[in-house]
């Protein structure tokens, strides 16, 4: 399996956003900042899943 740089960056972006969400939650806990990080991290995760499913369907076909 080949590790592609954009994939690795995307995964670390997700991790960083989740850490940011936790930091906001544990420090000043401003709901809109926390919500924004939550939404962006979930959109990032959605992109990761869609690309993974696309890759798996390419291999099956």
C-alpha atoms as a PDB file:
ATOM      1  CA  UNK A   1       0.000   0.000   0.000  1.00  0.00           C
ATOM      2  CA  UNK A   2       1.346   3.391  -1.001  1.00  0.00           C
ATOM      3  CA  UNK A   3       1.050   6.249   1.473  1.00  0.00           C
ATOM      4  CA  UNK A   4       0.052   9.414  -0.326  1.00  0.00           C
ATOM      5  CA  UNK A   5       1.101  12.750   1.130  1.00  0.00           C
ATOM      6  CA  UNK A   6      -2.332  14.472   0.754  1.00  0.00           C
ATOM      7  CA  UNK A   7      -3.916  11.567   2.633  1.00  0.00           C
ATOM      8  CA  UNK A   8      -1.468  11.839   5.496  1.00  0.00           C
ATOM      9  CA  UNK A   9      -1.957  15.607   5.674  1.00  0.00           C
ATOM     10  CA  UNK A  10      -5.740  15.126   5.669  1.00  0.00           C
ATOM     11  CA  UNK A  11      -5.557  12.628   8.532  1.00  0.00           C
ATOM     12  CA  UNK A  12      -3.304  14.862  10.626  1.00  0.00           C
ATOM     13  CA  UNK A  13      -5.602  17.790   9.883  1.00  0.00           C
ATOM     14  CA  UNK A  14      -8.463  15.773  11.374  1.00  0.00           C
ATOM     15  CA  UNK A  15      -6.385  14.948  14.458  1.00  0.00           C
ATOM     16  CA  UNK A  16      -5.370  18.586  14.877  1.00  0.00           C
ATOM     17  CA  UNK A  17      -8.956  19.770  14.610  1.00  0.00           C
ATOM     18  CA  UNK A  18     -10.089  17.258  17.232  1.00  0.00           C
ATOM     19  CA  UNK A  19      -7.259  18.341  19.542  1.00  0.00           C
ATOM     20  CA  UNK A  20      -8.290  21.953  18.956  1.00  0.00           C
ATOM     21  CA  UNK A  21     -11.869  21.044  19.816  1.00  0.00           C
ATOM     22  CA  UNK A  22     -10.673  19.480  23.071  1.00  0.00           C
ATOM     23  CA  UNK A  23      -8.494  22.469  23.922  1.00  0.00           C
ATOM     24  CA  UNK A  24     -11.411  24.855  23.413  1.00  0.00           C
ATOM     25  CA  UNK A  25     -13.637  22.592  25.486  1.00  0.00           C
ATOM     26  CA  UNK A  26     -11.149  22.405  28.338  1.00  0.00           C
ATOM     27  CA  UNK A  27     -10.135  26.080  28.407  1.00  0.00           C
ATOM     28  CA  UNK A  28     -12.478  28.936  27.514  1.00  0.00           C
ATOM     29  CA  UNK A  29     -15.296  26.688  26.173  1.00  0.00           C
ATOM     30  CA  UNK A  30     -16.761  29.185  23.720  1.00  0.00           C
ATOM     31  CA  UNK A  31     -19.563  27.194  22.089  1.00  0.00           C
ATOM     32  CA  UNK A  32     -19.297  28.723  18.608  1.00  0.00           C
ATOM     33  CA  UNK A  33     -15.546  28.124  18.400  1.00  0.00           C
ATOM     34  CA  UNK A  34     -16.009  24.570  19.606  1.00  0.00           C
ATOM     35  CA  UNK A  35     -18.918  23.980  17.222  1.00  0.00           C
ATOM     36  CA  UNK A  36     -16.925  25.324  14.266  1.00  0.00           C
ATOM     37  CA  UNK A  37     -14.027  22.984  15.020  1.00  0.00           C
ATOM     38  CA  UNK A  38     -16.477  20.104  15.439  1.00  0.00           C
ATOM     39  CA  UNK A  39     -18.164  20.749  12.074  1.00  0.00           C
ATOM     40  CA  UNK A  40     -14.900  21.222  10.179  1.00  0.00           C
ATOM     41  CA  UNK A  41     -13.400  18.083  11.720  1.00  0.00           C
ATOM     42  CA  UNK A  42     -16.477  16.060  10.813  1.00  0.00           C
ATOM     43  CA  UNK A  43     -16.410  17.359   7.240  1.00  0.00           C
ATOM     44  CA  UNK A  44     -12.750  16.360   7.076  1.00  0.00           C
ATOM     45  CA  UNK A  45     -13.642  12.900   8.360  1.00  0.00           C
ATOM     46  CA  UNK A  46     -16.434  12.647   5.776  1.00  0.00           C
ATOM     47  CA  UNK A  47     -13.952  13.438   3.000  1.00  0.00           C
ATOM     48  CA  UNK A  48     -11.568  10.780   4.349  1.00  0.00           C
ATOM     49  CA  UNK A  49     -14.347   8.161   4.328  1.00  0.00           C
ATOM     50  CA  UNK A  50     -15.588   9.102   0.846  1.00  0.00           C
ATOM     51  CA  UNK A  51     -12.074   8.872  -0.587  1.00  0.00           C
ATOM     52  CA  UNK A  52     -11.496   5.539   1.160  1.00  0.00           C
ATOM     53  CA  UNK A  53     -14.718   4.075  -0.224  1.00  0.00           C
ATOM     54  CA  UNK A  54     -13.833   5.392  -3.681  1.00  0.00           C
ATOM     55  CA  UNK A  55     -10.400   3.773  -3.468  1.00  0.00           C
ATOM     56  CA  UNK A  56     -11.882   0.439  -2.354  1.00  0.00           C
ATOM     57  CA  UNK A  57     -14.473   0.480  -5.148  1.00  0.00           C
ATOM     58  CA  UNK A  58     -11.725   1.145  -7.710  1.00  0.00           C
ATOM     59  CA  UNK A  59      -9.826  -1.902  -6.476  1.00  0.00           C
ATOM     60  CA  UNK A  60     -12.899  -4.134  -6.704  1.00  0.00           C
ATOM     61  CA  UNK A  61     -13.736  -3.060 -10.254  1.00  0.00           C
END
